[in-house]
Amino acid sequence: MTTKVPQLRAGEQLACSACTTKVVVVSAPADGTSDIVCGDTPLQPAKSVTQPPKDGADPGTLIGKRYVNADGTVELLCTSSGSGVLTCDGTVMELKSAKALPASD
């Protein structure tokens, strides 16, 4: 069972209670609702989550990387890596690729 984070908005800090993943919302959909899940655990406001100690497992989320949903309406910045994989509304979030800069002559 997943729950929608109430009024998802840019700048909000979210955390997972099952692993050490923490993210900051960079962009959110206009209506402010999306199912943001890490592994099988819904992300919650970081202030309300007690996280477990680091477990040494391979990270599913990487610190400093941005993750986006399929239609680009939700973007998250990972501030603490963890073993879970981020999903938005049931679909795995992808690593956002860097924009190519124009060549300088």
PDB file of N, CA and C in Angstrom:
ATOM      1  N   MET A   1       0.836  -1.187   0.000  1.00  0.00           N
ATOM      2  CA  MET A   1       0.000   0.000   0.000  1.00  0.00           C
ATOM      3  C   MET A   1       0.879   1.249   0.000  1.00  0.00           C
ATOM      4  N   THR A   2       0.587   2.195  -0.864  1.00  0.00           N
ATOM      5  CA  THR A   2       1.334   3.440  -0.907  1.00  0.00           C
ATOM      6  C   THR A   2       0.399   4.585  -0.593  1.00  0.00           C
ATOM      7  N   THR A   3       0.988   5.668  -0.101  1.00  0.00           N
ATOM      8  CA  THR A   3       0.206   6.852   0.178  1.00  0.00           C
ATOM      9  C   THR A   3       0.832   8.024  -0.538  1.00  0.00           C
ATOM     10  N   LYS A   4       0.007   8.927  -0.988  1.00  0.00           N
ATOM     11  CA  LYS A   4       0.528  10.102  -1.668  1.00  0.00           C
ATOM     12  C   LYS A   4       1.032  11.098  -0.638  1.00  0.00           C
ATOM     13  N   VAL A   5       2.213  11.665  -0.931  1.00  0.00           N
ATOM     14  CA  VAL A   5       2.746  12.711  -0.071  1.00  0.00           C
ATOM     15  C   VAL A   5       1.837  13.921  -0.267  1.00  0.00           C
ATOM     16  N   PRO A   6       1.284  14.473   0.815  1.00  0.00           N
ATOM     17  CA  PRO A   6       0.370  15.594   0.652  1.00  0.00           C
ATOM     18  C   PRO A   6       1.092  16.829   0.116  1.00  0.00           C
ATOM     19  N   GLN A   7       0.527  17.427  -0.905  1.00  0.00           N
ATOM     20  CA  GLN A   7       1.033  18.667  -1.476  1.00  0.00           C
ATOM     21  C   GLN A   7       2.541  18.667  -1.706  1.00  0.00           C
ATOM     22  N   LEU A   8       2.985  17.799  -2.576  1.00  0.00           N
ATOM     23  CA  LEU A   8       4.380  17.731  -2.988  1.00  0.00           C
ATOM     24  C   LEU A   8       4.740  19.063  -3.633  1.00  0.00           C
ATOM     25  N   ARG A   9       5.815  19.701  -3.157  1.00  0.00           N
ATOM     26  CA  ARG A   9       6.196  21.009  -3.704  1.00  0.00           C
ATOM     27  C   ARG A   9       7.716  21.145  -3.753  1.00  0.00           C
ATOM     28  N   ALA A  10       8.179  21.985  -4.642  1.00  0.00           N
ATOM     29  CA  ALA A  10       9.610  22.208  -4.817  1.00  0.00           C
ATOM     30  C   ALA A  10      10.236  22.680  -3.506  1.00  0.00           C
ATOM     31  N   GLY A  11      11.400  22.128  -3.194  1.00  0.00           N
ATOM     32  CA  GLY A  11      12.120  22.491  -1.976  1.00  0.00           C
ATOM     33  C   GLY A  11      11.842  21.584  -0.801  1.00  0.00           C
ATOM     34  N   GLU A  12      10.802  20.763  -0.903  1.00  0.00           N
ATOM     35  CA  GLU A  12      10.453  19.863   0.196  1.00  0.00           C
ATOM     36  C   GLU A  12      11.488  18.744   0.319  1.00  0.00           C
ATOM     37  N   GLN A  13      11.855  18.405   1.550  1.00  0.00           N
ATOM     38  CA  GLN A  13      12.800  17.327   1.818  1.00  0.00           C
ATOM     39  C   GLN A  13      12.021  16.087   2.227  1.00  0.00           C
ATOM     40  N   LEU A  14      12.327  14.961   1.541  1.00  0.00           N
ATOM     41  CA  LEU A  14      11.654  13.695   1.813  1.00  0.00           C
ATOM     42  C   LEU A  14      12.680  12.647   2.188  1.00  0.00           C
ATOM     43  N   ALA A  15      12.259  11.667   2.981  1.00  0.00           N
ATOM     44  CA  ALA A  15      13.162  10.594   3.405  1.00  0.00           C
ATOM     45  C   ALA A  15      12.413   9.273   3.441  1.00  0.00           C
ATOM     46  N   CYS A  16      13.189   8.196   3.364  1.00  0.00           N
ATOM     47  CA  CYS A  16      12.647   6.838   3.430  1.00  0.00           C
ATOM     48  C   CYS A  16      12.907   6.280   4.827  1.00  0.00           C
ATOM     49  N   SER A  17      11.922   5.606   5.390  1.00  0.00           N
ATOM     50  CA  SER A  17      12.108   5.043   6.732  1.00  0.00           C
ATOM     51  C   SER A  17      12.733   3.652   6.688  1.00  0.00           C
ATOM     52  N   ALA A  18      12.845   3.043   5.499  1.00  0.00           N
ATOM     53  CA  ALA A  18      13.398   1.696   5.376  1.00  0.00           C
ATOM     54  C   ALA A  18      14.870   1.678   4.971  1.00  0.00           C
ATOM     55  N   CYS A  19      15.346   2.750   4.353  1.00  0.00           N
ATOM     56  CA  CYS A  19      16.763   2.841   3.981  1.00  0.00           C
ATOM     57  C   CYS A  19      17.226   4.275   4.221  1.00  0.00           C
ATOM     58  N   THR A  20      18.417   4.604   3.814  1.00  0.00           N
ATOM     59  CA  THR A  20      18.984   5.922   4.120  1.00  0.00           C
ATOM     60  C   THR A  20      18.773   6.955   3.025  1.00  0.00           C
ATOM     61  N   THR A  21      17.879   6.692   2.084  1.00  0.00           N
ATOM     62  CA  THR A  21      17.615   7.624   0.989  1.00  0.00           C
ATOM     63  C   THR A  21      16.942   8.894   1.499  1.00  0.00           C
ATOM     64  N   LYS A  22      17.493  10.034   1.071  1.00  0.00           N
ATOM     65  CA  LYS A  22      16.877  11.340   1.308  1.00  0.00           C
ATOM     66  C   LYS A  22      16.922  12.099  -0.004  1.00  0.00           C
ATOM     67  N   VAL A  23      15.852  12.835  -0.296  1.00  0.00           N
ATOM     68  CA  VAL A  23      15.779  13.607  -1.530  1.00  0.00           C
ATOM     69  C   VAL A  23      15.185  14.981  -1.262  1.00  0.00           C
ATOM     70  N   VAL A  24      15.442  15.900  -2.204  1.00  0.00           N
ATOM     71  CA  VAL A  24      14.814  17.212  -2.201  1.00  0.00           C
ATOM     72  C   VAL A  24      14.019  17.300  -3.495  1.00  0.00           C
ATOM     73  N   VAL A  25      12.795  17.775  -3.408  1.00  0.00           N
ATOM     74  CA  VAL A  25      11.952  17.923  -4.590  1.00  0.00           C
ATOM     75  C   VAL A  25      12.425  19.145  -5.362  1.00  0.00           C
ATOM     76  N   VAL A  26      12.828  18.933  -6.620  1.00  0.00           N
ATOM     77  CA  VAL A  26      13.272  20.027  -7.485  1.00  0.00           C
ATOM     78  C   VAL A  26      12.075  20.584  -8.249  1.00  0.00           C
ATOM     79  N   SER A  27      11.244  19.699  -8.779  1.00  0.00           N
ATOM     80  CA  SER A  27      10.007  20.137  -9.434  1.00  0.00           C
ATOM     81  C   SER A  27       8.912  19.125  -9.129  1.00  0.00           C
ATOM     82  N   ALA A  28       7.683  19.633  -9.097  1.00  0.00           N
ATOM     83  CA  ALA A  28       6.527  18.811  -8.742  1.00  0.00           C
ATOM     84  C   ALA A  28       5.387  19.121  -9.706  1.00  0.00           C
ATOM     85  N   PRO A  29       4.432  18.195  -9.866  1.00  0.00           N
ATOM     86  CA  PRO A  29       3.292  18.462 -10.746  1.00  0.00           C
ATOM     87  C   PRO A  29       2.435  19.600 -10.197  1.00  0.00           C
ATOM     88  N   ALA A  30       1.691  20.231 -11.081  1.00  0.00           N
ATOM     89  CA  ALA A  30       0.869  21.385 -10.698  1.00  0.00           C
ATOM     90  C   ALA A  30      -0.117  21.063  -9.587  1.00  0.00           C
ATOM     91  N   ASP A  31      -0.696  19.851  -9.601  1.00  0.00           N
ATOM     92  CA  ASP A  31      -1.674  19.515  -8.562  1.00  0.00           C
ATOM     93  C   ASP A  31      -1.010  19.095  -7.254  1.00  0.00           C
ATOM     94  N   GLY A  32       0.323  18.908  -7.271  1.00  0.00           N
ATOM     95  CA  GLY A  32       1.072  18.621  -6.047  1.00  0.00           C
ATOM     96  C   GLY A  32       0.948  17.215  -5.509  1.00  0.00           C
ATOM     97  N   THR A  33       0.364  16.286  -6.275  1.00  0.00           N
ATOM     98  CA  THR A  33       0.230  14.925  -5.769  1.00  0.00           C
ATOM     99  C   THR A  33       0.905  13.924  -6.689  1.00  0.00           C
ATOM    100  N   SER A  34       1.674  13.033  -6.101  1.00  0.00           N
ATOM    101  CA  SER A  34       2.314  11.924  -6.798  1.00  0.00           C
ATOM    102  C   SER A  34       2.683  10.877  -5.761  1.00  0.00           C
ATOM    103  N   ASP A  35       2.684   9.609  -6.195  1.00  0.00           N
ATOM    104  CA  ASP A  35       3.141   8.513  -5.349  1.00  0.00           C
ATOM    105  C   ASP A  35       4.650   8.421  -5.466  1.00  0.00           C
ATOM    106  N   ILE A  36       5.389   8.869  -4.463  1.00  0.00           N
ATOM    107  CA  ILE A  36       6.842   8.776  -4.484  1.00  0.00           C
ATOM    108  C   ILE A  36       7.230   7.680  -3.497  1.00  0.00           C
ATOM    109  N   VAL A  37       7.854   6.615  -4.023  1.00  0.00           N
ATOM    110  CA  VAL A  37       8.184   5.442  -3.229  1.00  0.00           C
ATOM    111  C   VAL A  37       9.650   5.099  -3.418  1.00  0.00           C
ATOM    112  N   CYS A  38      10.278   4.632  -2.341  1.00  0.00           N
ATOM    113  CA  CYS A  38      11.662   4.161  -2.394  1.00  0.00           C
ATOM    114  C   CYS A  38      11.644   2.696  -1.975  1.00  0.00           C
ATOM    115  N   GLY A  39      11.952   1.802  -2.916  1.00  0.00           N
ATOM    116  CA  GLY A  39      11.797   0.375  -2.637  1.00  0.00           C
ATOM    117  C   GLY A  39      10.316   0.081  -2.520  1.00  0.00           C
ATOM    118  N   ASP A  40       9.863  -0.318  -1.346  1.00  0.00           N
ATOM    119  CA  ASP A  40       8.437  -0.557  -1.103  1.00  0.00           C
ATOM    120  C   ASP A  40       7.859   0.424  -0.089  1.00  0.00           C
ATOM    121  N   THR A  41       8.644   1.440   0.266  1.00  0.00           N
ATOM    122  CA  THR A  41       8.258   2.357   1.339  1.00  0.00           C
ATOM    123  C   THR A  41       7.991   3.765   0.799  1.00  0.00           C
ATOM    124  N   PRO A  42       6.804   4.318   1.061  1.00  0.00           N
ATOM    125  CA  PRO A  42       6.521   5.692   0.619  1.00  0.00           C
ATOM    126  C   PRO A  42       7.460   6.689   1.303  1.00  0.00           C
ATOM    127  N   LEU A  43       7.919   7.680   0.538  1.00  0.00           N
ATOM    128  CA  LEU A  43       8.732   8.738   1.138  1.00  0.00           C
ATOM    129  C   LEU A  43       7.824   9.665   1.926  1.00  0.00           C
ATOM    130  N   GLN A  44       8.348  10.158   3.024  1.00  0.00           N
ATOM    131  CA  GLN A  44       7.610  11.049   3.920  1.00  0.00           C
ATOM    132  C   GLN A  44       8.439  12.296   4.167  1.00  0.00           C
ATOM    133  N   PRO A  45       7.830  13.371   4.689  1.00  0.00           N
ATOM    134  CA  PRO A  45       8.625  14.548   5.026  1.00  0.00           C
ATOM    135  C   PRO A  45       9.784  14.155   5.942  1.00  0.00           C
ATOM    136  N   ALA A  46      10.973  14.633   5.629  1.00  0.00           N
ATOM    137  CA  ALA A  46      12.196  14.213   6.327  1.00  0.00           C
ATOM    138  C   ALA A  46      12.130  14.450   7.836  1.00  0.00           C
ATOM    139  N   LYS A  47      11.449  15.489   8.270  1.00  0.00           N
ATOM    140  CA  LYS A  47      11.366  15.796   9.704  1.00  0.00           C
ATOM    141  C   LYS A  47      10.661  14.693  10.495  1.00  0.00           C
ATOM    142  N   SER A  48       9.771  13.956   9.819  1.00  0.00           N
ATOM    143  CA  SER A  48       8.967  12.955  10.524  1.00  0.00           C
ATOM    144  C   SER A  48       9.516  11.536  10.412  1.00  0.00           C
ATOM    145  N   VAL A  49      10.713  11.359   9.816  1.00  0.00           N
ATOM    146  CA  VAL A  49      11.240  10.019   9.567  1.00  0.00           C
ATOM    147  C   VAL A  49      12.497   9.763  10.390  1.00  0.00           C
ATOM    148  N   THR A  50      12.533   8.602  11.040  1.00  0.00           N
ATOM    149  CA  THR A  50      13.745   8.127  11.697  1.00  0.00           C
ATOM    150  C   THR A  50      14.342   7.072  10.790  1.00  0.00           C
ATOM    151  N   GLN A  51      15.530   7.352  10.284  1.00  0.00           N
ATOM    152  CA  GLN A  51      16.147   6.438   9.332  1.00  0.00           C
ATOM    153  C   GLN A  51      17.037   5.421  10.025  1.00  0.00           C
ATOM    154  N   PRO A  52      17.149   4.221   9.429  1.00  0.00           N
ATOM    155  CA  PRO A  52      18.044   3.200   9.976  1.00  0.00           C
ATOM    156  C   PRO A  52      19.494   3.565   9.687  1.00  0.00           C
ATOM    157  N   PRO A  53      20.452   2.939  10.379  1.00  0.00           N
ATOM    158  CA  PRO A  53      21.859   3.194  10.082  1.00  0.00           C
ATOM    159  C   PRO A  53      22.212   2.655   8.696  1.00  0.00           C
ATOM    160  N   LYS A  54      23.280   3.177   8.114  1.00  0.00           N
ATOM    161  CA  LYS A  54      23.727   2.708   6.795  1.00  0.00           C
ATOM    162  C   LYS A  54      24.013   1.225   6.876  1.00  0.00           C
ATOM    163  N   ASP A  55      23.574   0.485   5.817  1.00  0.00           N
ATOM    164  CA  ASP A  55      23.717  -0.963   5.850  1.00  0.00           C
ATOM    165  C   ASP A  55      24.809  -1.509   4.941  1.00  0.00           C
ATOM    166  N   GLY A  56      25.447  -0.668   4.141  1.00  0.00           N
ATOM    167  CA  GLY A  56      26.530  -1.112   3.274  1.00  0.00           C
ATOM    168  C   GLY A  56      26.053  -1.788   1.999  1.00  0.00           C
ATOM    169  N   ALA A  57      24.753  -1.862   1.774  1.00  0.00           N
ATOM    170  CA  ALA A  57      24.233  -2.473   0.546  1.00  0.00           C
ATOM    171  C   ALA A  57      24.513  -1.553  -0.638  1.00  0.00           C
ATOM    172  N   ASP A  58      24.506  -2.139  -1.829  1.00  0.00           N
ATOM    173  CA  ASP A  58      24.697  -1.336  -3.035  1.00  0.00           C
ATOM    174  C   ASP A  58      23.589  -0.299  -3.123  1.00  0.00           C
ATOM    175  N   PRO A  59      23.948   0.950  -3.403  1.00  0.00           N
ATOM    176  CA  PRO A  59      22.927   1.992  -3.455  1.00  0.00           C
ATOM    177  C   PRO A  59      22.023   1.869  -4.676  1.00  0.00           C
ATOM    178  N   GLY A  60      20.741   2.083  -4.455  1.00  0.00           N
ATOM    179  CA  GLY A  60      19.773   2.166  -5.546  1.00  0.00           C
ATOM    180  C   GLY A  60      19.616   3.607  -5.968  1.00  0.00           C
ATOM    181  N   THR A  61      19.883   4.522  -5.027  1.00  0.00           N
ATOM    182  CA  THR A  61      19.886   5.948  -5.310  1.00  0.00           C
ATOM    183  C   THR A  61      21.284   6.476  -5.037  1.00  0.00           C
ATOM    184  N   LEU A  62      21.729   7.391  -5.863  1.00  0.00           N
ATOM    185  CA  LEU A  62      23.089   7.914  -5.763  1.00  0.00           C
ATOM    186  C   LEU A  62      23.074   9.379  -5.357  1.00  0.00           C
ATOM    187  N   ILE A  63      23.884   9.715  -4.364  1.00  0.00           N
ATOM    188  CA  ILE A  63      23.951  11.081  -3.857  1.00  0.00           C
ATOM    189  C   ILE A  63      24.388  12.037  -4.972  1.00  0.00           C
ATOM    190  N   GLY A  64      23.728  13.188  -5.024  1.00  0.00           N
ATOM    191  CA  GLY A  64      24.065  14.215  -5.999  1.00  0.00           C
ATOM    192  C   GLY A  64      23.438  14.030  -7.362  1.00  0.00           C
ATOM    193  N   LYS A  65      22.706  12.946  -7.566  1.00  0.00           N
ATOM    194  CA  LYS A  65      22.071  12.675  -8.863  1.00  0.00           C
ATOM    195  C   LYS A  65      20.616  13.111  -8.839  1.00  0.00           C
ATOM    196  N   ARG A  66      20.126  13.505 -10.015  1.00  0.00           N
ATOM    197  CA  ARG A  66      18.728  13.900 -10.158  1.00  0.00           C
ATOM    198  C   ARG A  66      17.950  12.772 -10.816  1.00  0.00           C
ATOM    199  N   TYR A  67      16.750  12.541 -10.314  1.00  0.00           N
ATOM    200  CA  TYR A  67      15.875  11.496 -10.822  1.00  0.00           C
ATOM    201  C   TYR A  67      14.582  12.143 -11.315  1.00  0.00           C
ATOM    202  N   VAL A  68      14.108  11.717 -12.489  1.00  0.00           N
ATOM    203  CA  VAL A  68      12.877  12.273 -13.069  1.00  0.00           C
ATOM    204  C   VAL A  68      11.910  11.145 -13.408  1.00  0.00           C
ATOM    205  N   ASN A  69      10.612  11.469 -13.384  1.00  0.00           N
ATOM    206  CA  ASN A  69       9.612  10.484 -13.790  1.00  0.00           C
ATOM    207  C   ASN A  69       9.490  10.505 -15.311  1.00  0.00           C
ATOM    208  N   ALA A  70       8.703   9.594 -15.856  1.00  0.00           N
ATOM    209  CA  ALA A  70       8.606   9.409 -17.304  1.00  0.00           C
ATOM    210  C   ALA A  70       8.164  10.669 -18.053  1.00  0.00           C
ATOM    211  N   ASP A  71       7.210  11.414 -17.499  1.00  0.00           N
ATOM    212  CA  ASP A  71       6.734  12.605 -18.218  1.00  0.00           C
ATOM    213  C   ASP A  71       7.431  13.896 -17.793  1.00  0.00           C
ATOM    214  N   GLY A  72       8.407  13.801 -16.896  1.00  0.00           N
ATOM    215  CA  GLY A  72       9.210  14.965 -16.513  1.00  0.00           C
ATOM    216  C   GLY A  72       8.544  15.939 -15.563  1.00  0.00           C
ATOM    217  N   THR A  73       7.425  15.555 -14.952  1.00  0.00           N
ATOM    218  CA  THR A  73       6.732  16.479 -14.048  1.00  0.00           C
ATOM    219  C   THR A  73       7.290  16.441 -12.631  1.00  0.00           C
ATOM    220  N   VAL A  74       7.990  15.363 -12.274  1.00  0.00           N
ATOM    221  CA  VAL A  74       8.584  15.247 -10.938  1.00  0.00           C
ATOM    222  C   VAL A  74      10.084  15.055 -11.099  1.00  0.00           C
ATOM    223  N   GLU A  75      10.847  15.891 -10.397  1.00  0.00           N
ATOM    224  CA  GLU A  75      12.300  15.762 -10.386  1.00  0.00           C
ATOM    225  C   GLU A  75      12.774  15.817  -8.932  1.00  0.00           C
ATOM    226  N   LEU A  76      13.624  14.854  -8.569  1.00  0.00           N
ATOM    227  CA  LEU A  76      14.148  14.757  -7.209  1.00  0.00           C
ATOM    228  C   LEU A  76      15.668  14.788  -7.249  1.00  0.00           C
ATOM    229  N   LEU A  77      16.283  15.457  -6.280  1.00  0.00           N
ATOM    230  CA  LEU A  77      17.732  15.484  -6.115  1.00  0.00           C
ATOM    231  C   LEU A  77      18.071  14.645  -4.895  1.00  0.00           C
ATOM    232  N   CYS A  78      18.892  13.631  -5.070  1.00  0.00           N
ATOM    233  CA  CYS A  78      19.263  12.744  -3.966  1.00  0.00           C
ATOM    234  C   CYS A  78      20.318  13.416  -3.091  1.00  0.00           C
ATOM    235  N   THR A  79      20.021  13.579  -1.802  1.00  0.00           N
ATOM    236  CA  THR A  79      20.955  14.201  -0.871  1.00  0.00           C
ATOM    237  C   THR A  79      21.620  13.190   0.061  1.00  0.00           C
ATOM    238  N   SER A  80      21.114  11.952   0.065  1.00  0.00           N
ATOM    239  CA  SER A  80      21.704  10.865   0.836  1.00  0.00           C
ATOM    240  C   SER A  80      21.369   9.567   0.128  1.00  0.00           C
ATOM    241  N   SER A  81      22.398   8.818  -0.274  1.00  0.00           N
ATOM    242  CA  SER A  81      22.151   7.585  -1.024  1.00  0.00           C
ATOM    243  C   SER A  81      21.554   6.511  -0.126  1.00  0.00           C
ATOM    244  N   GLY A  82      20.869   5.580  -0.759  1.00  0.00           N
ATOM    245  CA  GLY A  82      20.258   4.471  -0.035  1.00  0.00           C
ATOM    246  C   GLY A  82      20.084   3.281  -0.945  1.00  0.00           C
ATOM    247  N   SER A  83      19.633   2.174  -0.382  1.00  0.00           N
ATOM    248  CA  SER A  83      19.539   0.936  -1.148  1.00  0.00           C
ATOM    249  C   SER A  83      18.254   0.816  -1.965  1.00  0.00           C
ATOM    250  N   GLY A  84      17.256   1.644  -1.718  1.00  0.00           N
ATOM    251  CA  GLY A  84      15.991   1.561  -2.447  1.00  0.00           C
ATOM    252  C   GLY A  84      16.054   2.208  -3.816  1.00  0.00           C
ATOM    253  N   VAL A  85      15.126   1.821  -4.679  1.00  0.00           N
ATOM    254  CA  VAL A  85      14.984   2.404  -6.009  1.00  0.00           C
ATOM    255  C   VAL A  85      13.771   3.316  -5.992  1.00  0.00           C
ATOM    256  N   LEU A  86      13.920   4.546  -6.509  1.00  0.00           N
ATOM    257  CA  LEU A  86      12.827   5.514  -6.504  1.00  0.00           C
ATOM    258  C   LEU A  86      11.819   5.218  -7.606  1.00  0.00           C
ATOM    259  N   THR A  87      10.535   5.291  -7.246  1.00  0.00           N
ATOM    260  CA  THR A  87       9.466   5.171  -8.221  1.00  0.00           C
ATOM    261  C   THR A  87       8.472   6.311  -8.021  1.00  0.00           C
ATOM    262  N   CYS A  88       7.842   6.695  -9.106  1.00  0.00           N
ATOM    263  CA  CYS A  88       6.821   7.745  -9.063  1.00  0.00           C
ATOM    264  C   CYS A  88       5.580   7.198  -9.752  1.00  0.00           C
ATOM    265  N   ASP A  89       4.479   7.147  -9.037  1.00  0.00           N
ATOM    266  CA  ASP A  89       3.212   6.623  -9.548  1.00  0.00           C
ATOM    267  C   ASP A  89       3.381   5.243 -10.182  1.00  0.00           C
ATOM    268  N   GLY A  90       4.195   4.384  -9.545  1.00  0.00           N
ATOM    269  CA  GLY A  90       4.366   3.005  -9.980  1.00  0.00           C
ATOM    270  C   GLY A  90       5.410   2.772 -11.055  1.00  0.00           C
ATOM    271  N   THR A  91       6.071   3.827 -11.537  1.00  0.00           N
ATOM    272  CA  THR A  91       7.081   3.698 -12.585  1.00  0.00           C
ATOM    273  C   THR A  91       8.442   4.107 -12.036  1.00  0.00           C
ATOM    274  N   VAL A  92       9.467   3.315 -12.344  1.00  0.00           N
ATOM    275  CA  VAL A  92      10.819   3.604 -11.865  1.00  0.00           C
ATOM    276  C   VAL A  92      11.285   4.947 -12.411  1.00  0.00           C
ATOM    277  N   MET A  93      11.836   5.780 -11.535  1.00  0.00           N
ATOM    278  CA  MET A  93      12.367   7.075 -11.956  1.00  0.00           C
ATOM    279  C   MET A  93      13.748   6.869 -12.583  1.00  0.00           C
ATOM    280  N   GLU A  94      14.019   7.623 -13.625  1.00  0.00           N
ATOM    281  CA  GLU A  94      15.275   7.515 -14.364  1.00  0.00           C
ATOM    282  C   GLU A  94      16.260   8.581 -13.924  1.00  0.00           C
ATOM    283  N   LEU A  95      17.540   8.271 -14.065  1.00  0.00           N
ATOM    284  CA  LEU A  95      18.586   9.251 -13.806  1.00  0.00           C
ATOM    285  C   LEU A  95      18.481  10.336 -14.865  1.00  0.00           C
ATOM    286  N   LYS A  96      18.500  11.582 -14.465  1.00  0.00           N
ATOM    287  CA  LYS A  96      18.405  12.684 -15.419  1.00  0.00           C
ATOM    288  C   LYS A  96      19.776  12.870 -16.050  1.00  0.00           C
ATOM    289  N   SER A  97      19.801  12.943 -17.367  1.00  0.00           N
ATOM    290  CA  SER A  97      21.070  13.116 -18.061  1.00  0.00           C
ATOM    291  C   SER A  97      21.422  14.610 -18.131  1.00  0.00           C
ATOM    292  N   ALA A  98      22.700  14.879 -18.186  1.00  0.00           N
ATOM    293  CA  ALA A  98      23.168  16.258 -18.267  1.00  0.00           C
ATOM    294  C   ALA A  98      22.869  16.828 -19.641  1.00  0.00           C
ATOM    295  N   LYS A  99      22.577  18.109 -19.674  1.00  0.00           N
ATOM    296  CA  LYS A  99      22.341  18.781 -20.959  1.00  0.00           C
ATOM    297  C   LYS A  99      23.695  19.023 -21.633  1.00  0.00           C
ATOM    298  N   ALA A 100      23.710  18.812 -22.913  1.00  0.00           N
ATOM    299  CA  ALA A 100      24.940  19.083 -23.665  1.00  0.00           C
ATOM    300  C   ALA A 100      25.116  20.588 -23.811  1.00  0.00           C
ATOM    301  N   LEU A 101      26.297  21.069 -23.522  1.00  0.00           N
ATOM    302  CA  LEU A 101      26.596  22.483 -23.657  1.00  0.00           C
ATOM    303  C   LEU A 101      27.006  22.766 -25.105  1.00  0.00           C
ATOM    304  N   PRO A 102      26.714  23.977 -25.585  1.00  0.00           N
ATOM    305  CA  PRO A 102      27.129  24.294 -26.959  1.00  0.00           C
ATOM    306  C   PRO A 102      28.657  24.355 -27.043  1.00  0.00           C
ATOM    307  N   ALA A 103      29.143  23.972 -28.187  1.00  0.00           N
ATOM    308  CA  ALA A 103      30.603  24.006 -28.394  1.00  0.00           C
ATOM    309  C   ALA A 103      31.068  25.452 -28.476  1.00  0.00           C
ATOM    310  N   SER A 104      32.207  25.717 -27.881  1.00  0.00           N
ATOM    311  CA  SER A 104      32.768  27.053 -27.973  1.00  0.00           C
ATOM    312  C   SER A 104      33.870  27.031 -29.018  1.00  0.00           C
ATOM    313  N   ASP A 105      33.883  28.019 -29.856  1.00  0.00           N
ATOM    314  CA  ASP A 105      34.872  28.057 -30.940  1.00  0.00           C
ATOM    315  C   ASP A 105      35.991  28.988 -30.628  1.00  0.00           C
TER     316      ASP A 105
END
